[in-house]
Amino acid sequence: MKRKDRLAKLTALLRSGDHHQGEALAAQLGVSLRTLYRDMDTLVASGVSVQGERGKGYRVSRAIDLPPLQLSEVEMEALQLGLAAVSQSNDRDLAEAARALGRKLDAHLSEVENAPRLTELPQGFAHLTTIRHAIRARQKLLLTLDGAPRTLRPLALEYWGRIWLVQGWCETTRGFAEHPISEISALRVLPGLFVEEAGKTLGDLRRAL
């Protein structure tokens, strides 16, 4: 039996809900006890929740298998923010579960260009919600960068190489700008709304940057 097939069969046996002695599992799979222990280590490293209890044996706690999913950029952003928030929870079980889920998803996203690393809490995390609301409401933001204030018409949030950027028209420098949110030391939403003006729109920003 190929190792891949053996691991799949081992997982299926453990998921039955019953406890299985190591010797019995090795016999069912036709391998030595040492090989069985190596296979157990492989399952644990891949994220399978193997539980062992002295005198009873091994089993896997019930898991939920999800079908392949396609997520939009906004859905990925929501997933990252949700996992980041829960990973900072005072509930140790929930926090560890969020980090474990992030690791599993990161493993699948490692081949995807510009995919966010879900196990990494982005610096400036607290600013993201405020910036998103300001973009939707078309409210100006007063940013403090390196001790200097700047007034920005926020137009978009972008994620590049694990860095969140806020992009928009800077009224201080009179030009388009993009700033890593990790470099924003202070942020305040200004009263009043801004309106679209030729040369200062999102389309103009895309062409400029």
Protein backbone atom coordinates (compact mmCIF):
# COMPACT_ATOMS: atom_id res chain seq x y z
CA MET A 1 0.00 0.00 0.00
CA LYS A 2 1.36 3.41 -0.96
CA ARG A 3 2.08 5.75 1.93
CA LYS A 4 -0.47 8.30 0.70
CA ASP A 5 -3.18 5.62 0.61
CA ARG A 6 -2.08 4.30 3.99
CA LEU A 7 -2.37 7.73 5.59
CA ALA A 8 -5.85 8.17 4.11
CA LYS A 9 -6.92 4.78 5.46
CA LEU A 10 -5.40 5.54 8.87
CA THR A 11 -7.29 8.84 9.03
CA ALA A 12 -10.55 7.09 8.12
CA LEU A 13 -10.01 4.47 10.85
CA LEU A 14 -9.28 7.11 13.48
CA ARG A 15 -12.34 9.16 12.52
CA SER A 16 -14.69 6.33 13.36
CA GLY A 17 -15.00 7.85 16.84
CA ASP A 18 -13.71 4.74 18.60
CA HIS A 19 -10.32 4.41 20.30
CA HIS A 20 -7.81 2.22 18.46
CA GLN A 21 -4.75 0.58 20.00
CA GLY A 22 -1.49 1.23 18.15
CA GLU A 23 -0.79 -2.49 17.68
CA ALA A 24 -4.25 -3.07 16.18
CA LEU A 25 -3.87 -0.15 13.77
CA ALA A 26 -0.42 -1.36 12.66
CA ALA A 27 -1.84 -4.82 12.01
CA GLN A 28 -4.76 -3.43 9.97
CA LEU A 29 -2.40 -1.38 7.86
CA GLY A 30 0.21 -4.11 7.54
CA VAL A 31 3.07 -2.03 8.93
CA SER A 32 5.34 -2.08 11.95
CA LEU A 33 4.49 -0.17 15.11
CA ARG A 34 7.42 2.17 14.42
CA THR A 35 6.01 2.99 10.97
CA LEU A 36 2.61 3.59 12.50
CA TYR A 37 4.08 6.12 14.94
CA ARG A 38 5.79 7.94 12.06
CA ASP A 39 2.46 8.05 10.22
CA MET A 40 0.81 9.47 13.33
CA ASP A 41 3.43 12.21 13.48
CA THR A 42 2.76 13.02 9.82
CA LEU A 43 -0.98 13.33 10.45
CA VAL A 44 -0.44 15.61 13.43
CA ALA A 45 1.98 17.81 11.43
CA SER A 46 -0.60 18.14 8.64
CA GLY A 47 -3.24 19.43 11.07
CA VAL A 48 -5.23 16.27 11.82
CA SER A 49 -6.38 16.42 15.47
CA VAL A 50 -5.14 13.03 16.66
CA GLN A 51 -5.90 12.35 20.31
CA GLY A 52 -4.16 9.65 22.31
CA GLU A 53 -5.11 8.35 25.75
CA ARG A 54 -3.03 5.90 27.73
CA GLY A 55 -4.74 2.52 27.96
CA LYS A 56 -7.40 3.41 25.39
CA GLY A 57 -5.49 4.22 22.21
CA TYR A 58 -5.93 6.82 19.49
CA ARG A 59 -8.80 8.57 17.81
CA VAL A 60 -9.47 11.74 15.83
CA SER A 61 -11.92 14.32 17.08
CA ARG A 62 -14.69 15.04 14.62
CA ALA A 63 -13.61 17.35 11.82
CA ILE A 64 -15.57 19.30 9.22
CA ASP A 65 -14.53 18.84 5.60
CA LEU A 66 -15.22 21.84 3.39
CA PRO A 67 -15.53 21.64 -0.38
CA PRO A 68 -13.24 23.82 -2.55
CA LEU A 69 -14.17 27.49 -2.16
CA GLN A 70 -13.53 30.56 -4.29
CA LEU A 71 -13.22 33.78 -2.31
CA SER A 72 -13.28 37.36 -3.54
CA GLU A 73 -10.67 39.88 -2.40
CA VAL A 74 -13.18 41.43 0.01
CA GLU A 75 -14.05 37.99 1.43
CA MET A 76 -10.35 37.26 1.91
CA GLU A 77 -9.96 40.61 3.68
CA ALA A 78 -12.90 39.76 5.97
CA LEU A 79 -11.39 36.34 6.69
CA GLN A 80 -8.03 37.81 7.56
CA LEU A 81 -9.50 40.45 9.84
CA GLY A 82 -11.77 37.93 11.55
CA LEU A 83 -8.97 35.46 12.23
CA ALA A 84 -6.66 38.25 13.35
CA ALA A 85 -9.24 39.52 15.83
CA VAL A 86 -10.10 36.09 17.25
CA SER A 87 -6.42 35.16 17.51
CA GLN A 88 -6.06 38.03 20.01
CA SER A 89 -9.01 36.83 22.10
CA ASN A 90 -8.72 36.19 25.82
CA ASP A 91 -10.31 32.79 25.18
CA ARG A 92 -7.22 30.62 24.77
CA ASP A 93 -9.05 27.82 22.94
CA LEU A 94 -10.62 30.18 20.41
CA ALA A 95 -7.36 32.09 19.93
CA GLU A 96 -5.41 28.90 19.26
CA ALA A 97 -8.15 27.60 16.95
CA ALA A 98 -7.96 30.84 14.93
CA ARG A 99 -4.18 30.53 14.62
CA ALA A 100 -4.47 26.84 13.64
CA LEU A 101 -7.07 27.68 10.99
CA GLY A 102 -4.85 30.45 9.68
CA ARG A 103 -1.93 27.99 9.35
CA LYS A 104 -4.09 25.51 7.41
CA LEU A 105 -5.33 28.21 5.04
CA ASP A 106 -1.84 29.65 4.62
CA ALA A 107 -0.62 26.23 3.48
CA HIS A 108 -3.23 26.22 0.71
CA LEU A 109 -2.61 29.88 -0.22
CA SER A 110 1.18 29.60 -0.44
CA GLU A 111 1.02 29.31 -4.23
CA VAL A 112 -1.40 32.22 -4.73
CA GLU A 113 0.14 35.55 -5.75
CA ASN A 114 -0.45 38.40 -3.27
CA ALA A 115 -2.54 36.16 -1.01
CA PRO A 116 -2.59 37.49 2.58
CA ARG A 117 -0.89 35.42 5.25
CA LEU A 118 -3.75 34.77 7.62
CA THR A 119 -1.52 33.86 10.55
CA GLU A 120 0.07 37.31 10.61
CA LEU A 121 -1.77 40.09 12.40
CA PRO A 122 -1.15 43.13 10.19
CA GLN A 123 0.42 46.16 11.81
CA GLY A 124 -2.06 49.00 11.87
CA PHE A 125 -4.86 46.44 12.13
CA ALA A 126 -6.95 48.84 14.23
CA HIS A 127 -7.00 51.40 11.40
CA LEU A 128 -8.46 49.12 8.72
CA THR A 129 -12.10 49.38 9.73
CA THR A 130 -11.94 53.17 10.08
CA ILE A 131 -10.31 53.53 6.66
CA ARG A 132 -12.84 51.21 5.00
CA HIS A 133 -15.74 53.21 6.42
CA ALA A 134 -14.15 56.48 5.32
CA ILE A 135 -13.70 55.17 1.76
CA ARG A 136 -17.35 54.16 1.55
CA ALA A 137 -18.63 57.37 3.13
CA ARG A 138 -16.17 59.58 1.19
CA GLN A 139 -14.80 61.19 4.33
CA LYS A 140 -11.38 62.79 4.52
CA LEU A 141 -8.79 61.39 6.89
CA LEU A 142 -6.17 63.20 8.91
CA LEU A 143 -3.13 60.92 9.03
CA THR A 144 -0.01 61.34 11.11
CA LEU A 145 3.06 59.91 9.37
CA ASP A 146 6.52 60.34 10.90
CA GLY A 147 5.07 63.06 13.10
CA ALA A 148 3.72 65.05 10.14
CA PRO A 149 -0.05 65.46 9.55
CA ARG A 150 -1.51 64.82 6.10
CA THR A 151 -5.06 65.18 4.85
CA LEU A 152 -6.06 62.34 2.56
CA ARG A 153 -9.12 61.60 0.46
CA PRO A 154 -9.06 57.80 0.84
CA LEU A 155 -10.00 55.96 -2.35
CA ALA A 156 -8.80 52.37 -1.93
CA LEU A 157 -7.16 49.78 0.30
CA GLU A 158 -4.62 47.45 -1.28
CA TYR A 159 -2.72 44.42 -0.03
CA TRP A 160 0.77 43.89 -1.44
CA GLY A 161 3.40 41.52 -0.10
CA ARG A 162 1.79 41.28 3.35
CA ILE A 163 1.49 45.08 3.63
CA TRP A 164 -1.81 46.98 3.71
CA LEU A 165 -1.74 50.28 1.82
CA VAL A 166 -4.25 53.13 1.91
CA GLN A 167 -4.35 54.99 -1.39
CA GLY A 168 -5.92 58.32 -2.23
CA TRP A 169 -5.54 62.00 -3.11
CA CYS A 170 -3.35 63.84 -0.62
CA GLU A 171 -4.50 67.42 -0.12
CA THR A 172 -1.29 68.22 1.73
CA THR A 173 1.05 67.30 -1.14
CA ARG A 174 -1.55 67.94 -3.89
CA GLY A 175 -1.05 64.56 -5.52
CA PHE A 176 -1.87 60.87 -5.33
CA ALA A 177 -0.25 58.95 -2.50
CA GLU A 178 -0.21 55.51 -0.91
CA HIS A 179 0.84 54.83 2.65
CA PRO A 180 1.42 51.56 4.55
CA ILE A 181 -1.09 51.57 7.39
CA SER A 182 1.66 50.26 9.67
CA GLU A 183 3.32 53.69 9.39
CA ILE A 184 0.21 55.61 10.48
CA SER A 185 0.78 56.63 14.10
CA ALA A 186 -2.54 58.50 14.42
CA LEU A 187 -5.72 58.58 12.40
CA ARG A 188 -8.81 60.80 12.59
CA VAL A 189 -11.89 61.03 10.40
CA LEU A 190 -12.63 64.64 9.44
CA PRO A 191 -16.18 66.04 9.33
CA GLY A 192 -17.82 66.62 5.99
CA LEU A 193 -17.71 64.64 2.76
CA PHE A 194 -15.63 65.03 -0.36
CA VAL A 195 -17.04 64.82 -3.88
CA GLU A 196 -15.46 63.36 -7.00
CA GLU A 197 -13.37 65.81 -8.97
CA ALA A 198 -11.75 65.27 -12.35
CA GLY A 199 -8.15 64.16 -11.90
CA LYS A 200 -8.74 62.98 -8.31
CA THR A 201 -10.90 59.87 -8.83
CA LEU A 202 -10.13 56.21 -8.23
CA GLY A 203 -9.68 55.72 -11.97
CA ASP A 204 -7.18 58.56 -12.06
CA LEU A 205 -5.35 57.03 -9.10
CA ARG A 206 -5.10 53.64 -10.84
CA ARG A 207 -3.60 55.26 -13.91
CA ALA A 208 -1.20 57.35 -11.85
CA LEU A 209 0.07 54.52 -9.63
